[in-house]
Amino acid sequence: MKNRVLVAYASKYGATQGIAEKIGAVLGDANLSTDVAPMARVGDLAPYSAVVLGSAVYAGAWRQEAATFLETHALALAALPVWLFSSGPTGVGDPLVLMKGWRFPDALQPVADSIKPRAVAFFHGAIDMKKLNLAEKLLVKGIKAPVGDFRDWAAISAWAADIAAALAG
């Protein structure tokens, strides 16, 4: 089996990409050959011995390219060790508490169940008002979403270290 790990992501404004890059860096520091790429640019999973997939969450759903990737590659993913993560809520506190226990999109849960991921994580995201269009700015203001970068780099690094340990063991 090859010893390459794929960290693939779907990110609209770069916050989820940053999380994926951090996970890739931690795996690389653990001497794992790691590719970090947008899901839209990944075609073949054959070169990989493990996969980490993550998407930004909007209104309880993964980005469309992430949902399509997960569904399209479900059979190949089921044969590999897989970890899934979502990024979304802003603000302070446990993201699971902020999202009232939400961890993964309901519409994709049957696909995830068939893949049997080793772990599913939910991380804080970031909102940069300068990157949003007018409708998004109005929505953020309307729902009074906290603005800023709330990504918990220590939690992300610890999760990635757990993945590295699982792959090493």
C-alpha atoms as a PDB file:
ATOM      1  CA  MET A   1       0.000   0.000   0.000  1.00  0.00           C
ATOM      2  CA  LYS A   2       1.175   3.510  -0.765  1.00  0.00           C
ATOM      3  CA  ASN A   3       2.117   5.775   2.095  1.00  0.00           C
ATOM      4  CA  ARG A   4       0.470   8.997   0.916  1.00  0.00           C
ATOM      5  CA  VAL A   5      -2.300  10.835   2.683  1.00  0.00           C
ATOM      6  CA  LEU A   6      -4.761  13.073   0.871  1.00  0.00           C
ATOM      7  CA  VAL A   7      -6.192  16.072   2.689  1.00  0.00           C
ATOM      8  CA  ALA A   8      -8.930  17.414   0.411  1.00  0.00           C
ATOM      9  CA  TYR A   9     -11.169  20.365   1.162  1.00  0.00           C
ATOM     10  CA  ALA A  10     -14.013  22.539  -0.109  1.00  0.00           C
ATOM     11  CA  SER A  11     -13.670  26.163   0.945  1.00  0.00           C
ATOM     12  CA  LYS A  12     -15.457  29.269  -0.289  1.00  0.00           C
ATOM     13  CA  TYR A  13     -13.319  32.009   1.259  1.00  0.00           C
ATOM     14  CA  GLY A  14     -10.245  30.150   2.504  1.00  0.00           C
ATOM     15  CA  ALA A  15     -10.968  29.375   6.180  1.00  0.00           C
ATOM     16  CA  THR A  16     -11.496  25.655   5.550  1.00  0.00           C
ATOM     17  CA  GLN A  17      -8.512  25.626   3.213  1.00  0.00           C
ATOM     18  CA  GLY A  18      -6.418  26.973   6.078  1.00  0.00           C
ATOM     19  CA  ILE A  19      -7.634  24.172   8.334  1.00  0.00           C
ATOM     20  CA  ALA A  20      -6.777  21.582   5.664  1.00  0.00           C
ATOM     21  CA  GLU A  21      -3.316  23.093   5.216  1.00  0.00           C
ATOM     22  CA  LYS A  22      -2.708  22.939   8.976  1.00  0.00           C
ATOM     23  CA  ILE A  23      -3.774  19.280   9.068  1.00  0.00           C
ATOM     24  CA  GLY A  24      -1.462  18.582   6.130  1.00  0.00           C
ATOM     25  CA  ALA A  25       1.429  20.337   7.874  1.00  0.00           C
ATOM     26  CA  VAL A  26       0.941  18.316  11.079  1.00  0.00           C
ATOM     27  CA  LEU A  27       0.813  15.082   9.079  1.00  0.00           C
ATOM     28  CA  GLY A  28       3.921  16.145   7.170  1.00  0.00           C
ATOM     29  CA  ASP A  29       5.721  16.915  10.434  1.00  0.00           C
ATOM     30  CA  ALA A  30       4.931  13.309  11.421  1.00  0.00           C
ATOM     31  CA  ASN A  31       6.844  12.152   8.313  1.00  0.00           C
ATOM     32  CA  LEU A  32       3.716  11.263   6.341  1.00  0.00           C
ATOM     33  CA  SER A  33       3.755  12.094   2.641  1.00  0.00           C
ATOM     34  CA  THR A  34       0.746  14.377   2.344  1.00  0.00           C
ATOM     35  CA  ASP A  35      -1.044  16.107  -0.514  1.00  0.00           C
ATOM     36  CA  VAL A  36      -3.400  18.994   0.321  1.00  0.00           C
ATOM     37  CA  ALA A  37      -5.790  19.936  -2.495  1.00  0.00           C
ATOM     38  CA  PRO A  38      -9.246  21.293  -3.234  1.00  0.00           C
ATOM     39  CA  MET A  39     -11.678  18.422  -3.795  1.00  0.00           C
ATOM     40  CA  ALA A  40     -12.485  19.805  -7.233  1.00  0.00           C
ATOM     41  CA  ARG A  41      -8.902  19.036  -8.316  1.00  0.00           C
ATOM     42  CA  VAL A  42      -8.782  15.445  -7.006  1.00  0.00           C
ATOM     43  CA  GLY A  43      -9.663  12.744  -9.484  1.00  0.00           C
ATOM     44  CA  ASP A  44      -8.103   9.458  -8.472  1.00  0.00           C
ATOM     45  CA  LEU A  45      -7.771   8.124  -4.949  1.00  0.00           C
ATOM     46  CA  ALA A  46      -5.581   5.166  -5.979  1.00  0.00           C
ATOM     47  CA  PRO A  47      -2.294   6.858  -4.934  1.00  0.00           C
ATOM     48  CA  TYR A  48      -3.492   7.301  -1.348  1.00  0.00           C
ATOM     49  CA  SER A  49      -3.433   5.044   1.689  1.00  0.00           C
ATOM     50  CA  ALA A  50      -5.619   7.393   3.788  1.00  0.00           C
ATOM     51  CA  VAL A  51      -7.892  10.376   3.213  1.00  0.00           C
ATOM     52  CA  VAL A  52      -8.955  13.400   5.266  1.00  0.00           C
ATOM     53  CA  LEU A  53     -11.911  15.333   3.827  1.00  0.00           C
ATOM     54  CA  GLY A  54     -13.279  18.653   5.003  1.00  0.00           C
ATOM     55  CA  SER A  55     -15.811  21.225   3.956  1.00  0.00           C
ATOM     56  CA  ALA A  56     -17.133  24.567   4.991  1.00  0.00           C
ATOM     57  CA  VAL A  57     -20.719  24.365   6.243  1.00  0.00           C
ATOM     58  CA  TYR A  58     -23.476  26.704   5.135  1.00  0.00           C
ATOM     59  CA  ALA A  59     -27.016  26.294   6.472  1.00  0.00           C
ATOM     60  CA  GLY A  60     -26.214  22.809   7.728  1.00  0.00           C
ATOM     61  CA  ALA A  61     -24.823  21.555   4.420  1.00  0.00           C
ATOM     62  CA  TRP A  62     -21.374  20.840   3.033  1.00  0.00           C
ATOM     63  CA  ARG A  63     -20.409  22.786  -0.070  1.00  0.00           C
ATOM     64  CA  GLN A  64     -21.791  21.144  -3.204  1.00  0.00           C
ATOM     65  CA  GLU A  65     -18.384  20.070  -4.524  1.00  0.00           C
ATOM     66  CA  ALA A  66     -17.692  18.308  -1.212  1.00  0.00           C
ATOM     67  CA  ALA A  67     -21.045  16.510  -1.182  1.00  0.00           C
ATOM     68  CA  THR A  68     -20.501  15.422  -4.793  1.00  0.00           C
ATOM     69  CA  PHE A  69     -16.963  14.239  -4.025  1.00  0.00           C
ATOM     70  CA  LEU A  70     -18.103  12.201  -1.035  1.00  0.00           C
ATOM     71  CA  GLU A  71     -20.930  10.563  -3.009  1.00  0.00           C
ATOM     72  CA  THR A  72     -18.836   9.964  -6.154  1.00  0.00           C
ATOM     73  CA  HIS A  73     -15.915   8.380  -4.287  1.00  0.00           C
ATOM     74  CA  ALA A  74     -17.879   6.553  -1.574  1.00  0.00           C
ATOM     75  CA  LEU A  75     -16.797   3.060  -2.675  1.00  0.00           C
ATOM     76  CA  ALA A  76     -13.111   3.963  -2.885  1.00  0.00           C
ATOM     77  CA  LEU A  77     -13.295   5.843   0.425  1.00  0.00           C
ATOM     78  CA  ALA A  78     -14.928   2.868   2.156  1.00  0.00           C
ATOM     79  CA  ALA A  79     -11.770   0.857   1.415  1.00  0.00           C
ATOM     80  CA  LEU A  80      -9.474   3.437   3.078  1.00  0.00           C
ATOM     81  CA  PRO A  81      -9.019   4.946   6.508  1.00  0.00           C
ATOM     82  CA  VAL A  82     -10.985   8.207   6.295  1.00  0.00           C
ATOM     83  CA  TRP A  83     -11.406  11.193   8.596  1.00  0.00           C
ATOM     84  CA  LEU A  84     -14.043  13.892   8.016  1.00  0.00           C
ATOM     85  CA  PHE A  85     -14.203  17.463   9.266  1.00  0.00           C
ATOM     86  CA  SER A  86     -16.502  20.411   8.886  1.00  0.00           C
ATOM     87  CA  SER A  87     -15.854  24.058   9.627  1.00  0.00           C
ATOM     88  CA  GLY A  88     -18.418  26.665  10.235  1.00  0.00           C
ATOM     89  CA  PRO A  89     -19.565  28.342  13.381  1.00  0.00           C
ATOM     90  CA  THR A  90     -17.960  31.513  14.574  1.00  0.00           C
ATOM     91  CA  GLY A  91     -17.877  32.706  18.126  1.00  0.00           C
ATOM     92  CA  VAL A  92     -16.465  31.432  21.370  1.00  0.00           C
ATOM     93  CA  GLY A  93     -17.232  28.061  22.896  1.00  0.00           C
ATOM     94  CA  ASP A  94     -17.580  24.454  21.838  1.00  0.00           C
ATOM     95  CA  PRO A  95     -18.771  24.365  18.205  1.00  0.00           C
ATOM     96  CA  LEU A  96     -20.987  21.356  18.976  1.00  0.00           C
ATOM     97  CA  VAL A  97     -22.706  23.307  21.733  1.00  0.00           C
ATOM     98  CA  LEU A  98     -23.075  26.389  19.529  1.00  0.00           C
ATOM     99  CA  MET A  99     -24.653  24.215  16.827  1.00  0.00           C
ATOM    100  CA  LYS A 100     -26.875  22.319  19.298  1.00  0.00           C
ATOM    101  CA  GLY A 101     -25.134  18.980  18.734  1.00  0.00           C
ATOM    102  CA  TRP A 102     -24.876  19.230  14.943  1.00  0.00           C
ATOM    103  CA  ARG A 103     -21.729  17.455  13.738  1.00  0.00           C
ATOM    104  CA  PHE A 104     -22.255  16.452  10.111  1.00  0.00           C
ATOM    105  CA  PRO A 105     -24.821  17.161   7.363  1.00  0.00           C
ATOM    106  CA  ASP A 106     -27.903  14.943   7.740  1.00  0.00           C
ATOM    107  CA  ALA A 107     -28.224  14.578   3.958  1.00  0.00           C
ATOM    108  CA  LEU A 108     -24.727  13.035   3.750  1.00  0.00           C
ATOM    109  CA  GLN A 109     -24.924  10.865   6.863  1.00  0.00           C
ATOM    110  CA  PRO A 110     -25.908   7.676   4.949  1.00  0.00           C
ATOM    111  CA  VAL A 111     -22.843   8.110   2.703  1.00  0.00           C
ATOM    112  CA  ALA A 112     -20.621   8.747   5.714  1.00  0.00           C
ATOM    113  CA  ASP A 113     -22.062   5.667   7.421  1.00  0.00           C
ATOM    114  CA  SER A 114     -21.131   3.555   4.392  1.00  0.00           C
ATOM    115  CA  ILE A 115     -17.574   4.931   4.444  1.00  0.00           C
ATOM    116  CA  LYS A 116     -17.192   4.398   8.202  1.00  0.00           C
ATOM    117  CA  PRO A 117     -14.867   7.333   8.976  1.00  0.00           C
ATOM    118  CA  ARG A 118     -12.406   6.866  11.820  1.00  0.00           C
ATOM    119  CA  ALA A 119     -13.492  10.223  13.263  1.00  0.00           C
ATOM    120  CA  VAL A 120     -15.683  13.202  12.425  1.00  0.00           C
ATOM    121  CA  ALA A 121     -14.647  16.639  13.693  1.00  0.00           C
ATOM    122  CA  PHE A 122     -16.354  20.010  13.696  1.00  0.00           C
ATOM    123  CA  PHE A 123     -14.168  23.106  13.934  1.00  0.00           C
ATOM    124  CA  HIS A 124     -14.825  26.809  14.301  1.00  0.00           C
ATOM    125  CA  GLY A 125     -14.540  28.837  11.111  1.00  0.00           C
ATOM    126  CA  ALA A 126     -13.884  32.435  10.190  1.00  0.00           C
ATOM    127  CA  ILE A 127     -15.846  35.287   8.677  1.00  0.00           C
ATOM    128  CA  ASP A 128     -13.998  38.085   6.894  1.00  0.00           C
ATOM    129  CA  MET A 129     -16.557  40.741   5.961  1.00  0.00           C
ATOM    130  CA  LYS A 130     -14.239  42.091   3.241  1.00  0.00           C
ATOM    131  CA  LYS A 131     -14.608  38.802   1.322  1.00  0.00           C
ATOM    132  CA  LEU A 132     -18.414  38.598   1.469  1.00  0.00           C
ATOM    133  CA  ASN A 133     -20.850  39.790  -1.168  1.00  0.00           C
ATOM    134  CA  LEU A 134     -23.665  42.170  -0.214  1.00  0.00           C
ATOM    135  CA  ALA A 135     -26.254  39.427   0.412  1.00  0.00           C
ATOM    136  CA  GLU A 136     -23.816  37.525   2.634  1.00  0.00           C
ATOM    137  CA  LYS A 137     -22.955  40.679   4.588  1.00  0.00           C
ATOM    138  CA  LEU A 138     -26.646  41.348   5.189  1.00  0.00           C
ATOM    139  CA  LEU A 139     -27.182  37.747   6.315  1.00  0.00           C
ATOM    140  CA  VAL A 140     -24.235  37.871   8.738  1.00  0.00           C
ATOM    141  CA  LYS A 141     -25.522  41.141  10.191  1.00  0.00           C
ATOM    142  CA  GLY A 142     -29.113  39.840  10.281  1.00  0.00           C
ATOM    143  CA  ILE A 143     -28.266  36.711  12.253  1.00  0.00           C
ATOM    144  CA  LYS A 144     -25.671  38.609  14.300  1.00  0.00           C
ATOM    145  CA  ALA A 145     -22.948  36.064  13.544  1.00  0.00           C
ATOM    146  CA  PRO A 146     -19.668  36.846  15.264  1.00  0.00           C
ATOM    147  CA  VAL A 147     -17.149  38.197  12.752  1.00  0.00           C
ATOM    148  CA  GLY A 148     -13.475  37.253  12.840  1.00  0.00           C
ATOM    149  CA  ASP A 149     -11.229  34.210  12.814  1.00  0.00           C
ATOM    150  CA  PHE A 150     -12.355  31.714  15.452  1.00  0.00           C
ATOM    151  CA  ARG A 151     -10.389  28.687  14.227  1.00  0.00           C
ATOM    152  CA  ASP A 152      -8.889  26.783  17.163  1.00  0.00           C
ATOM    153  CA  TRP A 153      -5.442  25.888  15.862  1.00  0.00           C
ATOM    154  CA  ALA A 154      -4.572  23.845  18.951  1.00  0.00           C
ATOM    155  CA  ALA A 155      -7.684  21.667  18.537  1.00  0.00           C
ATOM    156  CA  ILE A 156      -7.025  21.289  14.807  1.00  0.00           C
ATOM    157  CA  SER A 157      -3.386  20.331  15.435  1.00  0.00           C
ATOM    158  CA  ALA A 158      -4.355  17.845  18.146  1.00  0.00           C
ATOM    159  CA  TRP A 159      -6.908  16.190  15.851  1.00  0.00           C
ATOM    160  CA  ALA A 160      -4.334  15.957  13.075  1.00  0.00           C
ATOM    161  CA  ALA A 161      -1.779  14.509  15.522  1.00  0.00           C
ATOM    162  CA  ASP A 162      -4.317  11.814  16.424  1.00  0.00           C
ATOM    163  CA  ILE A 163      -4.638  10.987  12.722  1.00  0.00           C
ATOM    164  CA  ALA A 164      -0.854  10.787  12.402  1.00  0.00           C
ATOM    165  CA  ALA A 165      -0.645   8.485  15.429  1.00  0.00           C
ATOM    166  CA  ALA A 166      -3.366   6.228  14.036  1.00  0.00           C
ATOM    167  CA  LEU A 167      -1.564   5.984  10.695  1.00  0.00           C
ATOM    168  CA  ALA A 168       1.801   5.336  12.362  1.00  0.00           C
ATOM    169  CA  GLY A 169       0.391   2.618  14.592  1.00  0.00           C
END
